[in-house]
N, C-alpha and C. Protein backbone atom coordinates (compact mmCIF):
# COMPACT_ATOMS: atom_id res chain seq x y z
N UNK A 1 0.73 -1.18 -0.12
CA UNK A 1 -0.10 0.11 -0.15
C UNK A 1 0.66 1.19 0.03
N UNK A 2 0.80 1.88 -0.93
CA UNK A 2 1.70 3.75 -0.61
C UNK A 2 0.62 4.32 -0.25
N UNK A 3 2.05 4.73 0.50
CA UNK A 3 1.61 6.16 1.75
C UNK A 3 1.37 7.67 1.11
N UNK A 4 0.57 7.97 1.18
CA UNK A 4 -0.20 9.44 0.36
C UNK A 4 -0.47 10.11 1.41
N UNK A 5 -0.24 11.40 1.44
CA UNK A 5 -1.13 12.24 1.98
C UNK A 5 -1.47 13.87 1.36
N UNK A 6 -2.08 14.20 1.36
CA UNK A 6 -2.95 15.16 0.54
C UNK A 6 -3.25 16.11 1.56
N UNK A 7 -2.81 17.87 0.86
CA UNK A 7 -3.18 18.96 2.02
C UNK A 7 -4.55 19.47 1.88
N UNK A 8 -5.14 20.00 2.83
CA UNK A 8 -6.77 20.13 2.23
C UNK A 8 -6.80 21.64 1.26
N UNK A 9 -5.69 22.28 1.87
CA UNK A 9 -5.84 23.69 0.54
C UNK A 9 -4.53 24.22 0.17
N UNK A 10 -4.27 24.43 -0.77
CA UNK A 10 -2.55 24.11 -0.76
C UNK A 10 -2.10 26.04 -0.97
N UNK A 11 -1.38 26.36 -0.47
CA UNK A 11 -0.65 27.54 -0.79
C UNK A 11 -0.04 27.77 -2.09
N UNK A 12 -0.70 29.39 -2.58
CA UNK A 12 0.26 29.24 -3.65
C UNK A 12 1.33 30.71 -3.91
N UNK A 13 2.13 30.43 -5.02
CA UNK A 13 2.89 32.01 -4.55
C UNK A 13 2.58 33.08 -4.51
N UNK A 14 1.68 33.35 -5.07
CA UNK A 14 1.20 35.01 -4.59
C UNK A 14 0.69 35.29 -3.07
N UNK A 15 -0.05 34.16 -2.79
CA UNK A 15 -0.42 34.21 -1.66
C UNK A 15 0.49 34.13 -0.21
N UNK A 16 1.63 33.37 -0.82
CA UNK A 16 2.51 33.38 0.06
C UNK A 16 3.88 35.05 0.14
N UNK A 17 3.48 35.54 -1.03
CA UNK A 17 4.34 37.41 -1.20
C UNK A 17 2.91 37.94 -0.31
N UNK A 18 1.90 37.72 -0.53
CA UNK A 18 0.81 38.83 0.06
C UNK A 18 1.53 38.32 1.49
N UNK A 19 0.83 37.41 2.02
CA UNK A 19 1.29 37.11 3.68
C UNK A 19 2.82 37.60 3.95
N UNK A 20 3.80 37.70 3.20
CA UNK A 20 5.37 37.86 3.52
C UNK A 20 5.85 39.26 3.68
N UNK A 21 4.69 40.00 2.57
CA UNK A 21 4.92 41.13 3.11
C UNK A 21 3.99 42.12 3.50
N UNK A 22 2.67 41.22 4.25
CA UNK A 22 1.88 41.41 5.10
C UNK A 22 2.43 42.13 6.36
N UNK A 23 3.44 40.53 6.71
CA UNK A 23 4.20 40.55 7.67
C UNK A 23 5.01 41.68 7.93
N UNK A 24 5.99 42.02 7.00
CA UNK A 24 6.80 43.16 6.60
C UNK A 24 6.04 44.18 7.15
N UNK A 25 4.83 44.90 6.53
CA UNK A 25 4.22 45.94 6.74
C UNK A 25 3.86 45.67 8.00
N UNK A 26 3.23 44.80 8.88
CA UNK A 26 3.11 44.81 10.30
C UNK A 26 4.20 45.16 10.97
N UNK A 27 5.26 44.51 10.93
CA UNK A 27 6.72 44.47 11.56
C UNK A 27 7.33 46.10 11.21
N UNK A 28 7.11 46.70 10.31
CA UNK A 28 7.46 48.61 10.62
C UNK A 28 6.33 49.15 11.24
N UNK A 29 5.20 48.91 10.51
CA UNK A 29 4.07 49.44 12.11
C UNK A 29 4.29 49.19 13.74
N UNK A 30 4.57 47.98 13.73
CA UNK A 30 5.51 47.69 14.96
C UNK A 30 6.06 48.67 15.93
N UNK A 31 7.40 48.71 14.86
CA UNK A 31 8.30 49.68 15.09
C UNK A 31 7.84 50.73 15.81
N UNK A 32 7.35 51.16 14.19
CA UNK A 32 6.18 52.71 14.62
C UNK A 32 6.05 53.30 15.66
N UNK A 33 4.91 51.93 16.51
CA UNK A 33 4.21 52.32 17.00
C UNK A 33 4.99 52.29 18.32
N UNK A 34 6.44 52.39 18.58
CA UNK A 34 6.63 52.01 20.07
C UNK A 34 7.52 53.42 20.09
N UNK A 35 8.08 53.87 21.27
CA UNK A 35 8.93 54.92 21.62
C UNK A 35 10.22 54.06 21.74
N UNK A 36 11.19 55.23 21.23
CA UNK A 36 12.16 55.17 20.47
C UNK A 36 12.91 54.31 21.74
N UNK A 37 13.29 54.35 22.85
CA UNK A 37 13.80 53.83 23.51
C UNK A 37 13.69 52.83 24.20
N UNK A 38 12.58 51.85 23.85
CA UNK A 38 12.60 50.50 23.96
C UNK A 38 13.76 49.73 22.99
N UNK A 39 14.01 50.28 21.93
CA UNK A 39 14.88 49.60 20.93
C UNK A 39 16.23 49.97 21.15
N UNK A 40 16.50 49.95 22.28
CA UNK A 40 18.10 50.57 23.05
C UNK A 40 18.50 48.70 22.90
N UNK A 41 19.90 48.88 22.11
CA UNK A 41 20.80 47.57 22.16
C UNK A 41 21.54 46.89 20.91
N UNK A 42 20.91 46.27 20.30
CA UNK A 42 21.51 45.95 19.04
C UNK A 42 21.77 46.72 18.12
N UNK A 43 21.22 47.63 17.60
CA UNK A 43 21.58 48.83 16.96
C UNK A 43 22.34 50.32 17.47
N UNK A 44 22.89 49.65 18.38
CA UNK A 44 23.44 51.07 19.17
C UNK A 44 24.71 51.15 18.83
N UNK A 45 25.31 52.38 18.55
CA UNK A 45 26.54 52.18 17.82
C UNK A 45 27.92 51.49 18.95
N UNK A 46 27.60 51.91 20.61
CA UNK A 46 28.59 51.17 21.34
C UNK A 46 28.53 49.81 20.92
N UNK A 47 27.46 49.05 20.37
CA UNK A 47 26.92 47.65 20.06
C UNK A 47 28.09 47.14 19.11
N UNK A 48 28.11 47.88 18.14
CA UNK A 48 28.07 47.69 16.84
C UNK A 48 29.70 48.03 16.60
N UNK A 49 30.17 48.87 16.94
CA UNK A 49 31.68 49.05 17.77
C UNK A 49 32.51 47.96 18.21
N UNK A 50 31.49 47.31 19.25
CA UNK A 50 32.26 46.57 19.96
C UNK A 50 32.02 45.12 19.17
N UNK A 51 31.30 44.94 18.02
CA UNK A 51 31.25 43.29 16.76
C UNK A 51 32.15 43.46 16.08
N UNK A 52 32.80 44.86 15.68
CA UNK A 52 33.76 45.08 14.93
C UNK A 52 34.98 44.92 15.28
N UNK A 53 35.12 44.80 16.39
CA UNK A 53 36.58 44.26 17.17
C UNK A 53 36.49 43.23 17.48
N UNK A 54 35.60 42.43 17.31
CA UNK A 54 35.15 41.12 18.48
C UNK A 54 36.40 40.08 17.79
N UNK A 55 36.39 39.16 18.90
CA UNK A 55 37.45 37.82 17.90
C UNK A 55 36.32 37.19 18.10
N UNK A 56 36.20 36.01 16.94
CA UNK A 56 35.31 35.12 16.99
C UNK A 56 35.53 33.81 16.90
N UNK A 57 34.62 33.31 17.88
CA UNK A 57 35.25 31.82 18.29
C UNK A 57 34.02 30.79 17.51
N UNK A 58 34.73 30.46 16.64
CA UNK A 58 34.24 30.12 15.41
C UNK A 58 33.25 28.85 15.29
N UNK A 59 33.91 27.49 16.39
CA UNK A 59 33.48 26.22 16.59
C UNK A 59 32.22 26.47 17.93
N UNK A 60 32.22 27.58 18.61
CA UNK A 60 31.31 27.51 19.94
C UNK A 60 30.01 28.12 18.56
N UNK A 61 30.23 29.66 17.96
CA UNK A 61 29.38 30.17 16.90
C UNK A 61 28.33 28.89 16.03
N UNK A 62 29.34 27.62 15.71
CA UNK A 62 28.88 27.12 14.73
C UNK A 62 27.97 26.00 15.30
N UNK A 63 28.28 25.61 16.72
CA UNK A 63 27.26 24.61 17.60
C UNK A 63 26.58 25.32 17.82
N UNK A 64 26.41 26.71 18.12
CA UNK A 64 24.97 27.43 18.45
C UNK A 64 23.84 27.53 16.95
N UNK A 65 24.72 28.19 16.04
CA UNK A 65 24.23 28.00 15.20
C UNK A 65 23.31 27.04 14.55
N UNK A 66 24.40 26.40 14.52
CA UNK A 66 23.68 24.61 14.02
C UNK A 66 22.46 24.07 14.82
N UNK A 67 22.50 24.18 15.93
CA UNK A 67 21.78 23.71 17.00
C UNK A 67 20.49 24.23 16.92
N UNK A 68 19.93 25.60 16.63
CA UNK A 68 19.13 26.43 16.29
C UNK A 68 19.04 26.24 14.81
N UNK A 69 19.46 26.44 13.75
CA UNK A 69 18.69 25.99 12.61
C UNK A 69 18.87 25.11 12.57
N UNK A 70 19.34 23.78 12.40
CA UNK A 70 18.86 22.14 12.58
C UNK A 70 17.17 22.17 13.14
N UNK A 71 17.32 22.24 14.16
CA UNK A 71 15.69 22.30 15.11
C UNK A 71 14.88 23.03 14.21
N UNK A 72 15.00 24.56 13.89
CA UNK A 72 14.07 24.92 13.17
C UNK A 72 13.42 24.28 11.90
N UNK A 73 14.52 23.51 11.15
CA UNK A 73 14.78 23.13 9.86
C UNK A 73 13.90 21.39 10.32
N UNK A 74 14.29 20.65 11.08
CA UNK A 74 13.40 19.77 11.46
C UNK A 74 12.15 20.11 12.10
N UNK A 75 11.65 21.15 12.79
CA UNK A 75 10.41 21.39 13.11
C UNK A 75 9.46 21.69 11.78
N UNK A 76 9.85 22.35 11.12
CA UNK A 76 9.49 22.48 9.66
C UNK A 76 9.01 20.93 8.83
N UNK A 77 10.05 20.53 8.64
CA UNK A 77 9.89 19.30 8.07
C UNK A 77 8.55 18.21 8.51
N UNK A 78 8.47 18.24 9.95
CA UNK A 78 7.94 17.50 10.66
C UNK A 78 6.45 18.53 10.91
N UNK A 79 6.23 19.48 10.46
CA UNK A 79 4.73 20.50 10.36
C UNK A 79 4.47 20.05 8.94
N UNK A 80 5.30 19.60 8.51
CA UNK A 80 4.95 19.56 6.38
C UNK A 80 4.17 18.08 6.77
N UNK A 81 4.32 17.36 7.53
CA UNK A 81 3.47 16.08 7.38
C UNK A 81 2.17 16.03 7.61
N UNK A 82 1.92 17.19 8.32
CA UNK A 82 0.21 17.61 8.68
C UNK A 82 -0.57 17.77 7.83
N UNK A 83 -1.75 17.43 7.61
CA UNK A 83 -2.65 17.91 6.81
C UNK A 83 -2.64 19.36 6.49
N UNK A 84 -2.65 20.26 7.85
CA UNK A 84 -3.08 21.63 7.54
C UNK A 84 -1.35 22.51 7.44
N UNK A 85 -0.06 21.65 6.82
CA UNK A 85 0.59 22.20 7.16
C UNK A 85 0.87 23.71 5.76
N UNK A 86 -0.17 23.72 4.99
CA UNK A 86 -0.17 25.22 4.03
C UNK A 86 -0.42 26.43 5.06
N UNK A 87 -1.83 26.03 5.89
CA UNK A 87 -2.40 26.94 6.77
C UNK A 87 -1.13 27.48 7.59
N UNK A 88 -0.30 26.77 8.22
CA UNK A 88 0.59 26.52 9.15
C UNK A 88 2.04 26.86 8.72
N UNK A 89 2.55 27.03 7.63
CA UNK A 89 3.28 27.51 7.09
C UNK A 89 3.23 29.25 6.23
N UNK A 90 2.18 29.03 5.99
CA UNK A 90 1.20 30.95 5.61
C UNK A 90 1.75 31.21 7.08
N UNK A 91 1.24 31.24 8.36
CA UNK A 91 1.42 32.01 9.44
C UNK A 91 3.40 32.20 9.59
N UNK A 92 4.01 31.09 9.76
CA UNK A 92 5.24 31.72 9.50
C UNK A 92 5.94 32.12 8.81
N UNK A 93 5.40 31.93 7.30
CA UNK A 93 5.86 33.17 6.42
C UNK A 93 5.22 34.66 6.65
N UNK A 94 4.43 35.08 7.52
CA UNK A 94 3.88 36.40 8.03
C UNK A 94 4.91 36.25 9.15
N UNK A 95 4.97 35.52 10.12
CA UNK A 95 5.66 35.68 11.10
C UNK A 95 7.37 36.03 10.53
N UNK A 96 8.06 35.45 9.61
CA UNK A 96 9.02 35.40 9.02
C UNK A 96 9.24 36.99 8.60
N UNK A 97 8.27 37.40 7.68
CA UNK A 97 7.76 38.96 7.12
C UNK A 97 8.05 40.14 8.50
N UNK A 98 7.02 39.88 9.36
CA UNK A 98 7.23 40.38 10.37
C UNK A 98 8.68 40.92 11.36
N UNK A 99 9.06 39.72 11.30
CA UNK A 99 10.72 39.97 12.05
C UNK A 99 11.63 40.61 10.98
N UNK A 100 11.44 40.32 10.16
CA UNK A 100 12.63 41.21 8.68
C UNK A 100 12.07 42.72 8.62
N UNK A 101 10.50 43.04 8.42
CA UNK A 101 9.98 44.21 8.56
C UNK A 101 10.46 45.21 9.98
N UNK A 102 10.48 44.54 11.46
CA UNK A 102 10.91 44.59 12.49
C UNK A 102 12.18 45.35 12.45
N UNK A 103 13.22 44.59 11.99
CA UNK A 103 14.33 44.39 11.70
C UNK A 103 14.96 45.22 10.95
N UNK A 104 14.50 45.91 9.96
CA UNK A 104 15.08 46.66 8.90
C UNK A 104 14.29 48.02 9.51
N UNK A 105 13.18 48.69 9.81
CA UNK A 105 12.27 49.51 10.47
C UNK A 105 13.34 49.87 11.59
N UNK A 106 13.53 49.21 12.79
CA UNK A 106 14.52 49.15 13.29
C UNK A 106 15.52 49.92 13.45
N UNK A 107 16.61 49.44 12.31
CA UNK A 107 17.77 49.42 11.85
C UNK A 107 17.52 50.93 11.48
N UNK A 108 16.82 51.19 10.40
CA UNK A 108 16.56 52.55 9.82
C UNK A 108 16.34 53.27 10.99
N UNK A 109 15.57 53.31 11.93
CA UNK A 109 14.97 54.26 12.89
C UNK A 109 16.55 54.53 13.62
N UNK A 110 17.34 53.23 13.59
CA UNK A 110 18.12 53.95 14.99
C UNK A 110 19.52 54.14 14.50
N UNK A 111 19.39 53.66 12.95
CA UNK A 111 21.49 53.98 12.07
C UNK A 111 21.11 55.11 11.02
N UNK A 112 19.44 55.16 10.47
CA UNK A 112 19.50 55.37 8.89
C UNK A 112 19.86 54.71 7.81
N UNK A 113 20.28 54.93 6.89
CA UNK A 113 20.34 54.14 5.82
C UNK A 113 22.04 52.90 6.00
N UNK A 114 22.86 53.84 7.00
CA UNK A 114 24.02 52.54 7.35
C UNK A 114 22.99 51.69 8.05
N UNK A 115 22.09 51.48 8.53
CA UNK A 115 21.13 50.72 9.38
C UNK A 115 21.10 49.61 8.58
N UNK A 116 20.54 50.11 7.23
CA UNK A 116 19.83 49.03 6.35
C UNK A 116 20.47 48.81 5.61
N UNK A 117 21.92 48.48 5.30
CA UNK A 117 23.17 48.21 5.21
C UNK A 117 23.71 47.35 5.97
N UNK A 118 23.66 47.48 7.02
CA UNK A 118 23.99 46.47 7.73
C UNK A 118 22.88 45.33 7.58
N UNK A 119 21.71 45.60 7.48
CA UNK A 119 20.68 44.20 7.43
C UNK A 119 21.16 43.51 6.44
N UNK A 120 21.31 44.61 5.37
CA UNK A 120 21.06 43.70 3.89
C UNK A 120 22.48 43.08 3.98
N UNK A 121 23.58 43.14 5.02
CA UNK A 121 24.54 42.52 4.53
C UNK A 121 24.94 41.24 5.75
N UNK A 122 23.49 41.78 6.66
CA UNK A 122 23.92 40.72 7.74
C UNK A 122 23.07 38.96 7.14
N UNK A 123 22.31 39.60 5.98
CA UNK A 123 21.58 38.31 5.37
C UNK A 123 22.35 37.74 4.33
N UNK A 124 23.02 38.45 3.43
CA UNK A 124 23.37 38.22 2.15
C UNK A 124 23.81 36.69 2.03
N UNK A 125 24.99 36.51 2.90
CA UNK A 125 25.74 35.24 2.24
C UNK A 125 25.05 33.69 2.70
N UNK A 126 24.70 34.16 3.76
CA UNK A 126 23.62 32.81 4.11
C UNK A 126 22.58 32.42 3.37
N UNK A 127 21.43 34.02 2.79
CA UNK A 127 20.35 33.91 1.93
C UNK A 127 20.32 32.74 1.23
N UNK A 128 21.38 32.84 0.45
CA UNK A 128 21.83 31.98 -0.91
C UNK A 128 21.49 30.63 -0.74
N UNK A 129 21.30 29.93 0.29
CA UNK A 129 21.46 28.92 1.04
C UNK A 129 20.27 28.52 1.69
N UNK A 130 20.00 29.33 2.61
CA UNK A 130 18.89 28.78 3.34
C UNK A 130 17.29 29.12 2.43
N UNK A 131 17.12 29.90 1.18
CA UNK A 131 16.48 29.78 0.59
C UNK A 131 16.17 28.72 0.11
N UNK A 132 16.68 27.94 -0.53
CA UNK A 132 16.63 26.68 -1.50
C UNK A 132 15.98 25.61 -0.51
N UNK A 133 16.88 25.84 1.03
CA UNK A 133 16.90 24.98 1.97
C UNK A 133 15.36 24.74 2.46
N UNK A 134 14.76 25.85 2.61
CA UNK A 134 13.39 26.00 3.30
C UNK A 134 12.85 26.30 1.94
N UNK A 135 13.03 26.93 1.09
CA UNK A 135 11.83 27.23 -0.02
C UNK A 135 11.52 25.86 -0.66
N UNK A 136 11.47 24.97 -0.67
CA UNK A 136 11.76 23.53 -1.32
C UNK A 136 10.03 22.76 -0.98
N UNK A 137 9.68 23.24 0.79
CA UNK A 137 8.73 23.37 1.16
C UNK A 137 7.63 23.85 0.54
N UNK A 138 7.98 24.96 0.60
CA UNK A 138 6.88 25.72 0.15
C UNK A 138 6.59 25.31 -1.64
N UNK A 139 7.38 25.22 -2.12
CA UNK A 139 7.29 24.42 -3.51
C UNK A 139 5.93 23.44 -3.64
N UNK A 140 6.75 22.54 -2.50
CA UNK A 140 6.15 21.26 -2.11
C UNK A 140 4.67 21.16 -2.01
N UNK A 141 4.02 22.32 -1.44
CA UNK A 141 2.96 22.62 -1.08
C UNK A 141 2.19 23.22 -2.45
N UNK A 142 3.14 24.53 -2.81
CA UNK A 142 2.37 24.85 -3.93
C UNK A 142 2.04 23.72 -5.13
N UNK A 143 2.56 22.85 -5.22
CA UNK A 143 2.19 21.36 -6.22
C UNK A 143 1.48 20.49 -5.83
N UNK A 144 0.75 20.41 -4.43
CA UNK A 144 -0.39 19.88 -3.83
C UNK A 144 0.75 18.58 -3.56
N UNK A 145 1.65 18.32 -2.89
CA UNK A 145 2.75 16.99 -2.82
C UNK A 145 2.05 16.23 -2.38
N UNK A 146 2.10 15.26 -2.83
CA UNK A 146 1.76 13.94 -2.32
C UNK A 146 2.56 12.32 -1.74
N UNK A 147 3.80 12.29 -1.95
CA UNK A 147 4.15 11.42 -1.61
C UNK A 147 5.10 11.40 -0.31
N UNK A 148 5.35 10.69 0.37
CA UNK A 148 6.21 10.69 1.82
C UNK A 148 7.48 10.27 1.31
N UNK A 149 7.57 9.23 0.40
CA UNK A 149 9.47 9.27 0.34
C UNK A 149 9.94 10.46 -0.59
N UNK A 150 9.23 11.43 -1.24
CA UNK A 150 9.67 12.12 -2.30
C UNK A 150 9.88 13.60 -1.15
N UNK A 151 9.23 13.57 -0.43
CA UNK A 151 9.58 14.43 0.67
C UNK A 151 10.63 14.42 1.30
N UNK A 152 10.74 13.53 2.01
CA UNK A 152 11.53 13.05 2.75
C UNK A 152 12.92 13.07 1.98
N UNK A 153 13.10 13.01 0.61
CA UNK A 153 14.31 13.07 -0.38
C UNK A 153 14.25 14.46 -0.23
N UNK A 154 13.78 15.44 -1.01
CA UNK A 154 13.69 16.91 -1.07
C UNK A 154 14.08 17.03 0.67
N UNK A 155 13.82 16.95 2.14
CA UNK A 155 14.44 16.93 3.35
C UNK A 155 15.76 16.76 3.23
N UNK A 156 16.23 15.58 2.62
CA UNK A 156 17.24 15.76 3.17
C UNK A 156 18.38 16.15 2.06
N UNK A 157 17.78 16.67 0.97
CA UNK A 157 18.84 17.72 0.01
C UNK A 157 18.67 18.87 0.45
N UNK A 158 17.40 19.29 0.93
CA UNK A 158 17.29 20.53 2.01
C UNK A 158 18.23 20.59 3.05
N UNK A 159 18.83 19.72 3.71
CA UNK A 159 19.45 19.54 4.82
C UNK A 159 20.67 19.83 4.16
N UNK A 160 21.57 19.63 2.99
CA UNK A 160 22.67 19.82 2.90
C UNK A 160 22.77 21.39 2.35
N UNK A 161 21.80 21.91 1.67
CA UNK A 161 21.67 23.60 1.90
C UNK A 161 21.84 24.12 2.84
N UNK A 162 21.00 23.52 3.91
CA UNK A 162 20.89 24.51 5.17
C UNK A 162 22.27 23.87 6.05
N UNK A 163 22.84 23.25 5.74
CA UNK A 163 24.56 23.11 6.42
C UNK A 163 25.46 24.01 5.49
N UNK A 164 25.52 24.46 4.16
CA UNK A 164 26.18 24.99 4.21
C UNK A 164 25.81 26.80 4.10
N UNK A 165 24.13 26.79 4.30
CA UNK A 165 23.85 27.65 4.86
C UNK A 165 24.15 28.54 5.96
N UNK A 166 24.61 27.46 7.26
CA UNK A 166 24.96 27.35 8.12
C UNK A 166 26.58 28.04 8.45
N UNK A 167 27.23 27.16 7.11
CA UNK A 167 28.44 27.59 7.20
C UNK A 167 29.26 29.25 6.71
N UNK A 168 28.08 29.29 5.80
CA UNK A 168 28.29 31.05 5.58
C UNK A 168 27.81 31.83 6.56
N UNK A 169 26.73 31.51 7.56
CA UNK A 169 26.20 32.14 8.20
C UNK A 169 27.77 32.31 9.47
N UNK A 170 28.25 31.13 9.88
CA UNK A 170 29.16 31.66 10.84
C UNK A 170 30.28 31.77 10.51
N UNK A 171 30.95 31.71 9.17
CA UNK A 171 32.45 32.07 8.57
C UNK A 171 32.29 33.06 8.21
N UNK A 172 31.57 33.31 7.14
CA UNK A 172 31.65 34.77 6.23
C UNK A 172 30.70 35.69 6.38
N UNK A 173 29.52 35.55 7.41
CA UNK A 173 28.64 36.71 7.66
C UNK A 173 29.44 37.75 8.38
N UNK A 174 30.05 36.99 9.48
CA UNK A 174 31.07 38.14 10.66
C UNK A 174 32.07 38.21 10.23
N UNK A 175 32.64 38.13 9.13
CA UNK A 175 33.69 38.79 8.24
C UNK A 175 33.44 39.85 7.95
N UNK A 176 31.90 39.16 6.75
CA UNK A 176 31.53 40.43 6.22
C UNK A 176 31.08 41.74 6.64
N UNK A 177 30.40 41.38 8.00
CA UNK A 177 29.48 42.48 8.74
C UNK A 177 30.81 43.18 9.46
N UNK A 178 31.77 42.61 9.79
CA UNK A 178 33.28 43.57 10.54
C UNK A 178 33.73 44.33 9.81
N UNK A 179 33.86 43.82 8.60
CA UNK A 179 34.27 44.43 7.47
C UNK A 179 33.58 45.71 7.28
N UNK A 180 32.55 45.68 6.74
CA UNK A 180 31.24 46.72 6.77
C UNK A 180 31.71 47.80 8.04
N UNK A 181 31.28 47.61 9.05
CA UNK A 181 31.10 47.88 10.75
C UNK A 181 32.88 48.49 10.37
N UNK A 182 33.21 48.39 10.32
CA UNK A 182 34.88 48.94 9.84
C UNK A 182 35.14 49.95 9.29
N UNK A 183 34.03 50.19 7.67
CA UNK A 183 34.38 50.85 7.22
C UNK A 183 33.49 51.98 7.15
N UNK A 184 32.14 51.77 7.83
CA UNK A 184 31.32 52.79 8.10
C UNK A 184 31.61 53.47 9.31
């Protein structure tokens, strides 16, 4: 007997973009509705100067990032086996957009254009690997995937992209950000 599973309603690419950009807008509105004193910390000049001269412990950082990203990935893979996975992923896309909108808006409020550059360069290297690692799940839902074996095969392939994304996040990202912060 062949194991199949069908999703109740599939999420389409246009719906994904709408949810993601609605989340970005919600994040921007959240930052704009708060007092500026609430957001002291990561985008302060003091923190950025400290980060620019920080000596990195790459092994410890890799263990931390690896544990966090692998946990996220396994959670999403398990979530993808549920019948209402497209609805759950839609909610997660909204939250992802909201966190991006909050981060970009906060960095702009605190540092202006310099903050936007820091945000962009903070995600660029690993984004090229994380999008395929996590994006295959969305493509699976767009096409109303049905085979558990194919789903597990794709999740295994996605794990390799995830691994290279973690390597980029741990080894390339700090060097790029420190270089940018020293120049700004």
